[in-house]
Amino acid sequence: MRIALLLLAGLMVLAGTAYGQDTPIGEFATNYSYFRAGGRGGDNLHGGSVSGAGNVNSWLGIAGDYGVYHFQPSFTGGINIHTFTVGPRISLRSGSRVTPFGQVLVGGFHGLGTNGFAMSVGGGLDIKVYRLVAIRMAQVEYMMLHAQGDTLNCARVSAGIVFRFGER
């Protein structure tokens, strides 16, 4: 987590030099997601997420994310985890086709027989393929799920498509 926070801080420092051109007012993404619930001995879940972001300026946005992940062990009816988070996103827009971003999102989760607090820290890389469309090549995050005094450390790796609208 310390590395992710340092990377986010680095993006924030570098974002001050980013150009304001080609900044969408908003973005909507839909992703396939691999979700690792727990470390060693944890479970591999597959699913997807949708996210939206409104960009305040060329480098700062407010992002919201909803994800659902499923695991089907042979001995039970399956495990579903739903996450819903919101928070700031820092993007490094340099006028090129490549836009790296970092974000810290907080919210909640439902699953594993309970509801609780969720937090994610991470970032990703979008590559513009058309003025209004980009490919999210990768989004990698540490996710923490906390409920009833227990904390589950998780990882999420996603890829998908981003639709952009408006321009600043």
C-alpha atoms as a PDB file:
ATOM      1  CA  MET A   1       0.000   0.000   0.000  1.00  0.00           C
ATOM      2  CA  ARG A   2       2.897   2.333   0.735  1.00  0.00           C
ATOM      3  CA  ILE A   3       4.150   1.950  -2.864  1.00  0.00           C
ATOM      4  CA  ALA A   4       0.691   2.728  -4.269  1.00  0.00           C
ATOM      5  CA  LEU A   5       0.463   5.892  -2.155  1.00  0.00           C
ATOM      6  CA  LEU A   6       3.938   6.995  -3.277  1.00  0.00           C
ATOM      7  CA  LEU A   7       2.970   6.428  -6.924  1.00  0.00           C
ATOM      8  CA  LEU A   8      -0.201   8.464  -6.438  1.00  0.00           C
ATOM      9  CA  ALA A   9       1.791  11.293  -4.822  1.00  0.00           C
ATOM     10  CA  GLY A  10       4.217  11.213  -7.762  1.00  0.00           C
ATOM     11  CA  LEU A  11       1.342  11.473 -10.232  1.00  0.00           C
ATOM     12  CA  MET A  12      -0.040  14.442  -8.309  1.00  0.00           C
ATOM     13  CA  VAL A  13       3.288  16.264  -8.530  1.00  0.00           C
ATOM     14  CA  LEU A  14       3.694  15.527 -12.236  1.00  0.00           C
ATOM     15  CA  ALA A  15       0.071  16.369 -13.027  1.00  0.00           C
ATOM     16  CA  GLY A  16       0.792  20.046 -12.415  1.00  0.00           C
ATOM     17  CA  THR A  17       2.708  20.138 -15.703  1.00  0.00           C
ATOM     18  CA  ALA A  18      -0.041  18.456 -17.730  1.00  0.00           C
ATOM     19  CA  TYR A  19      -1.683  20.306 -20.577  1.00  0.00           C
ATOM     20  CA  GLY A  20      -5.381  21.167 -20.493  1.00  0.00           C
ATOM     21  CA  GLN A  21      -6.029  20.017 -24.056  1.00  0.00           C
ATOM     22  CA  ASP A  22      -8.113  16.973 -24.845  1.00  0.00           C
ATOM     23  CA  THR A  23      -9.667  16.776 -21.376  1.00  0.00           C
ATOM     24  CA  PRO A  24     -13.109  15.178 -21.402  1.00  0.00           C
ATOM     25  CA  ILE A  25     -15.795  16.532 -19.094  1.00  0.00           C
ATOM     26  CA  GLY A  26     -16.672  12.985 -18.150  1.00  0.00           C
ATOM     27  CA  GLU A  27     -15.751   9.364 -18.729  1.00  0.00           C
ATOM     28  CA  PHE A  28     -17.627   6.072 -18.446  1.00  0.00           C
ATOM     29  CA  ALA A  29     -15.723   2.772 -18.372  1.00  0.00           C
ATOM     30  CA  THR A  30     -16.769  -0.847 -18.398  1.00  0.00           C
ATOM     31  CA  ASN A  31     -14.153  -3.439 -17.430  1.00  0.00           C
ATOM     32  CA  TYR A  32     -13.510  -7.135 -16.980  1.00  0.00           C
ATOM     33  CA  SER A  33     -11.982  -7.602 -13.508  1.00  0.00           C
ATOM     34  CA  TYR A  34      -9.930 -10.326 -11.842  1.00  0.00           C
ATOM     35  CA  PHE A  35     -10.355 -10.037  -8.072  1.00  0.00           C
ATOM     36  CA  ARG A  36      -8.069 -11.840  -5.608  1.00  0.00           C
ATOM     37  CA  ALA A  37      -9.894 -12.010  -2.261  1.00  0.00           C
ATOM     38  CA  GLY A  38      -7.196 -12.526   0.350  1.00  0.00           C
ATOM     39  CA  GLY A  39      -3.535 -13.341  -0.072  1.00  0.00           C
ATOM     40  CA  ARG A  40      -2.077 -16.811   0.159  1.00  0.00           C
ATOM     41  CA  GLY A  41      -4.930 -19.284   0.370  1.00  0.00           C
ATOM     42  CA  GLY A  42      -7.392 -16.674  -0.914  1.00  0.00           C
ATOM     43  CA  ASP A  43      -9.976 -17.047  -3.630  1.00  0.00           C
ATOM     44  CA  ASN A  44      -9.860 -16.005  -7.293  1.00  0.00           C
ATOM     45  CA  LEU A  45     -13.014 -14.226  -8.375  1.00  0.00           C
ATOM     46  CA  HIS A  46     -13.943 -12.995 -11.851  1.00  0.00           C
ATOM     47  CA  GLY A  47     -16.397 -10.285 -12.732  1.00  0.00           C
ATOM     48  CA  GLY A  48     -16.630  -6.761 -13.949  1.00  0.00           C
ATOM     49  CA  SER A  49     -16.884  -3.166 -12.968  1.00  0.00           C
ATOM     50  CA  VAL A  50     -18.323   0.051 -14.297  1.00  0.00           C
ATOM     51  CA  SER A  51     -16.976   3.440 -13.380  1.00  0.00           C
ATOM     52  CA  GLY A  52     -17.711   7.040 -14.118  1.00  0.00           C
ATOM     53  CA  ALA A  53     -15.611  10.134 -13.606  1.00  0.00           C
ATOM     54  CA  GLY A  54     -16.330  13.825 -13.840  1.00  0.00           C
ATOM     55  CA  ASN A  55     -13.208  15.885 -14.525  1.00  0.00           C
ATOM     56  CA  VAL A  56     -12.908  19.123 -12.569  1.00  0.00           C
ATOM     57  CA  ASN A  57      -9.879  20.220 -14.633  1.00  0.00           C
ATOM     58  CA  SER A  58      -7.171  18.602 -16.759  1.00  0.00           C
ATOM     59  CA  TRP A  59      -5.705  16.590 -13.879  1.00  0.00           C
ATOM     60  CA  LEU A  60      -8.378  16.206 -11.152  1.00  0.00           C
ATOM     61  CA  GLY A  61     -11.547  14.160 -11.383  1.00  0.00           C
ATOM     62  CA  ILE A  62     -14.099  12.593  -9.068  1.00  0.00           C
ATOM     63  CA  ALA A  63     -14.569   8.889  -9.821  1.00  0.00           C
ATOM     64  CA  GLY A  64     -17.202   6.394  -8.768  1.00  0.00           C
ATOM     65  CA  ASP A  65     -16.877   2.625  -9.243  1.00  0.00           C
ATOM     66  CA  TYR A  66     -19.235  -0.335  -8.875  1.00  0.00           C
ATOM     67  CA  GLY A  67     -17.905  -3.878  -9.212  1.00  0.00           C
ATOM     68  CA  VAL A  68     -19.306  -7.372  -8.882  1.00  0.00           C
ATOM     69  CA  TYR A  69     -17.158 -10.511  -8.660  1.00  0.00           C
ATOM     70  CA  HIS A  70     -18.094 -14.198  -8.473  1.00  0.00           C
ATOM     71  CA  PHE A  71     -16.415 -17.407  -7.304  1.00  0.00           C
ATOM     72  CA  GLN A  72     -18.021 -20.828  -7.755  1.00  0.00           C
ATOM     73  CA  PRO A  73     -16.421 -23.450  -5.491  1.00  0.00           C
ATOM     74  CA  SER A  74     -17.577 -26.997  -6.128  1.00  0.00           C
ATOM     75  CA  PHE A  75     -18.994 -27.476  -2.626  1.00  0.00           C
ATOM     76  CA  THR A  76     -21.184 -24.338  -2.173  1.00  0.00           C
ATOM     77  CA  GLY A  77     -23.610 -22.130  -4.032  1.00  0.00           C
ATOM     78  CA  GLY A  78     -20.936 -19.567  -4.863  1.00  0.00           C
ATOM     79  CA  ILE A  79     -19.555 -16.334  -3.501  1.00  0.00           C
ATOM     80  CA  ASN A  80     -20.484 -12.886  -4.791  1.00  0.00           C
ATOM     81  CA  ILE A  81     -18.796  -9.661  -3.720  1.00  0.00           C
ATOM     82  CA  HIS A  82     -20.148  -6.230  -4.688  1.00  0.00           C
ATOM     83  CA  THR A  83     -18.007  -3.108  -4.189  1.00  0.00           C
ATOM     84  CA  PHE A  84     -19.135   0.519  -4.505  1.00  0.00           C
ATOM     85  CA  THR A  85     -16.584   3.280  -4.020  1.00  0.00           C
ATOM     86  CA  VAL A  86     -15.995   6.965  -4.822  1.00  0.00           C
ATOM     87  CA  GLY A  87     -13.075   9.389  -4.551  1.00  0.00           C
ATOM     88  CA  PRO A  88     -10.484  11.550  -6.299  1.00  0.00           C
ATOM     89  CA  ARG A  89      -8.693  10.532  -9.505  1.00  0.00           C
ATOM     90  CA  ILE A  90      -5.471  12.199 -10.663  1.00  0.00           C
ATOM     91  CA  SER A  91      -4.762  11.959 -14.415  1.00  0.00           C
ATOM     92  CA  LEU A  92      -1.587  12.882 -16.249  1.00  0.00           C
ATOM     93  CA  ARG A  93      -2.806  14.339 -19.556  1.00  0.00           C
ATOM     94  CA  SER A  94       0.126  15.365 -21.733  1.00  0.00           C
ATOM     95  CA  GLY A  95      -1.672  15.758 -25.045  1.00  0.00           C
ATOM     96  CA  SER A  96      -0.571  12.286 -26.149  1.00  0.00           C
ATOM     97  CA  ARG A  97      -2.793   9.254 -26.672  1.00  0.00           C
ATOM     98  CA  VAL A  98      -1.705   7.763 -23.325  1.00  0.00           C
ATOM     99  CA  THR A  99      -3.302   8.860 -20.034  1.00  0.00           C
ATOM    100  CA  PRO A 100      -2.010   7.311 -16.802  1.00  0.00           C
ATOM    101  CA  PHE A 101      -4.112   7.866 -13.674  1.00  0.00           C
ATOM    102  CA  GLY A 102      -4.088   7.150  -9.967  1.00  0.00           C
ATOM    103  CA  GLN A 103      -7.001   7.113  -7.557  1.00  0.00           C
ATOM    104  CA  VAL A 104      -8.034   6.544  -3.966  1.00  0.00           C
ATOM    105  CA  LEU A 105     -11.633   5.414  -3.569  1.00  0.00           C
ATOM    106  CA  VAL A 106     -13.643   4.665  -0.420  1.00  0.00           C
ATOM    107  CA  GLY A 107     -17.106   3.234   0.098  1.00  0.00           C
ATOM    108  CA  GLY A 108     -18.593  -0.108   0.951  1.00  0.00           C
ATOM    109  CA  PHE A 109     -19.012  -3.718  -0.041  1.00  0.00           C
ATOM    110  CA  HIS A 110     -21.603  -6.446   0.227  1.00  0.00           C
ATOM    111  CA  GLY A 111     -20.707 -10.107   0.264  1.00  0.00           C
ATOM    112  CA  LEU A 112     -19.226 -12.883   2.346  1.00  0.00           C
ATOM    113  CA  GLY A 113     -22.424 -12.756   4.410  1.00  0.00           C
ATOM    114  CA  THR A 114     -21.962  -9.161   5.525  1.00  0.00           C
ATOM    115  CA  ASN A 115     -21.717  -5.487   4.588  1.00  0.00           C
ATOM    116  CA  GLY A 116     -18.703  -3.365   5.364  1.00  0.00           C
ATOM    117  CA  PHE A 117     -16.168  -0.690   4.470  1.00  0.00           C
ATOM    118  CA  ALA A 118     -14.198  -0.863   1.216  1.00  0.00           C
ATOM    119  CA  MET A 119     -11.164   1.121   0.076  1.00  0.00           C
ATOM    120  CA  SER A 120      -9.081   0.902  -3.088  1.00  0.00           C
ATOM    121  CA  VAL A 121      -5.768   2.512  -3.986  1.00  0.00           C
ATOM    122  CA  GLY A 122      -4.237   2.143  -7.411  1.00  0.00           C
ATOM    123  CA  GLY A 123      -4.138   3.379 -10.949  1.00  0.00           C
ATOM    124  CA  GLY A 124      -4.292   2.547 -14.571  1.00  0.00           C
ATOM    125  CA  LEU A 125      -3.430   3.402 -18.135  1.00  0.00           C
ATOM    126  CA  ASP A 126      -5.866   4.511 -20.853  1.00  0.00           C
ATOM    127  CA  ILE A 127      -4.876   4.650 -24.536  1.00  0.00           C
ATOM    128  CA  LYS A 128      -7.021   6.788 -26.809  1.00  0.00           C
ATOM    129  CA  VAL A 129      -8.089   5.008 -30.009  1.00  0.00           C
ATOM    130  CA  TYR A 130     -10.592   7.641 -31.128  1.00  0.00           C
ATOM    131  CA  ARG A 131     -11.543  11.093 -29.898  1.00  0.00           C
ATOM    132  CA  LEU A 132     -14.346   9.674 -27.732  1.00  0.00           C
ATOM    133  CA  VAL A 133     -13.049   6.141 -27.059  1.00  0.00           C
ATOM    134  CA  ALA A 134     -10.053   4.766 -25.180  1.00  0.00           C
ATOM    135  CA  ILE A 135      -8.897   1.296 -24.183  1.00  0.00           C
ATOM    136  CA  ARG A 136      -8.160   0.783 -20.505  1.00  0.00           C
ATOM    137  CA  MET A 137      -5.054  -1.342 -20.969  1.00  0.00           C
ATOM    138  CA  ALA A 138      -4.695  -2.037 -17.267  1.00  0.00           C
ATOM    139  CA  GLN A 139      -6.025  -0.895 -13.938  1.00  0.00           C
ATOM    140  CA  VAL A 140      -4.307  -2.372 -10.880  1.00  0.00           C
ATOM    141  CA  GLU A 141      -5.509  -1.757  -7.339  1.00  0.00           C
ATOM    142  CA  TYR A 142      -5.074  -2.835  -3.760  1.00  0.00           C
ATOM    143  CA  MET A 143      -8.519  -3.233  -2.192  1.00  0.00           C
ATOM    144  CA  MET A 144      -9.264  -3.523   1.484  1.00  0.00           C
ATOM    145  CA  LEU A 145     -12.572  -4.939   2.708  1.00  0.00           C
ATOM    146  CA  HIS A 146     -13.286  -4.431   6.426  1.00  0.00           C
ATOM    147  CA  ALA A 147     -16.292  -5.735   8.374  1.00  0.00           C
ATOM    148  CA  GLN A 148     -17.001  -6.917  11.916  1.00  0.00           C
ATOM    149  CA  GLY A 149     -13.415  -6.368  13.051  1.00  0.00           C
ATOM    150  CA  ASP A 150     -11.879  -8.402  10.213  1.00  0.00           C
ATOM    151  CA  THR A 151      -9.877  -7.046   7.275  1.00  0.00           C
ATOM    152  CA  LEU A 152      -9.504  -8.828   3.943  1.00  0.00           C
ATOM    153  CA  ASN A 153      -6.625  -7.617   1.756  1.00  0.00           C
ATOM    154  CA  CYS A 154      -7.448  -7.990  -1.928  1.00  0.00           C
ATOM    155  CA  ALA A 155      -6.098  -7.136  -5.353  1.00  0.00           C
ATOM    156  CA  ARG A 156      -8.055  -6.176  -8.459  1.00  0.00           C
ATOM    157  CA  VAL A 157      -6.725  -6.140 -12.024  1.00  0.00           C
ATOM    158  CA  SER A 158      -9.031  -4.802 -14.735  1.00  0.00           C
ATOM    159  CA  ALA A 159      -9.071  -3.958 -18.436  1.00  0.00           C
ATOM    160  CA  GLY A 160     -11.819  -2.575 -20.640  1.00  0.00           C
ATOM    161  CA  ILE A 161     -13.148   0.281 -22.714  1.00  0.00           C
ATOM    162  CA  VAL A 162     -13.611   3.955 -21.815  1.00  0.00           C
ATOM    163  CA  PHE A 163     -16.172   6.273 -23.402  1.00  0.00           C
ATOM    164  CA  ARG A 164     -15.423   9.983 -23.126  1.00  0.00           C
ATOM    165  CA  PHE A 165     -17.839  12.859 -23.525  1.00  0.00           C
ATOM    166  CA  GLY A 166     -17.491  16.626 -23.747  1.00  0.00           C
ATOM    167  CA  GLU A 167     -14.257  18.604 -23.726  1.00  0.00           C
ATOM    168  CA  ARG A 168     -12.743  21.159 -21.366  1.00  0.00           C
END
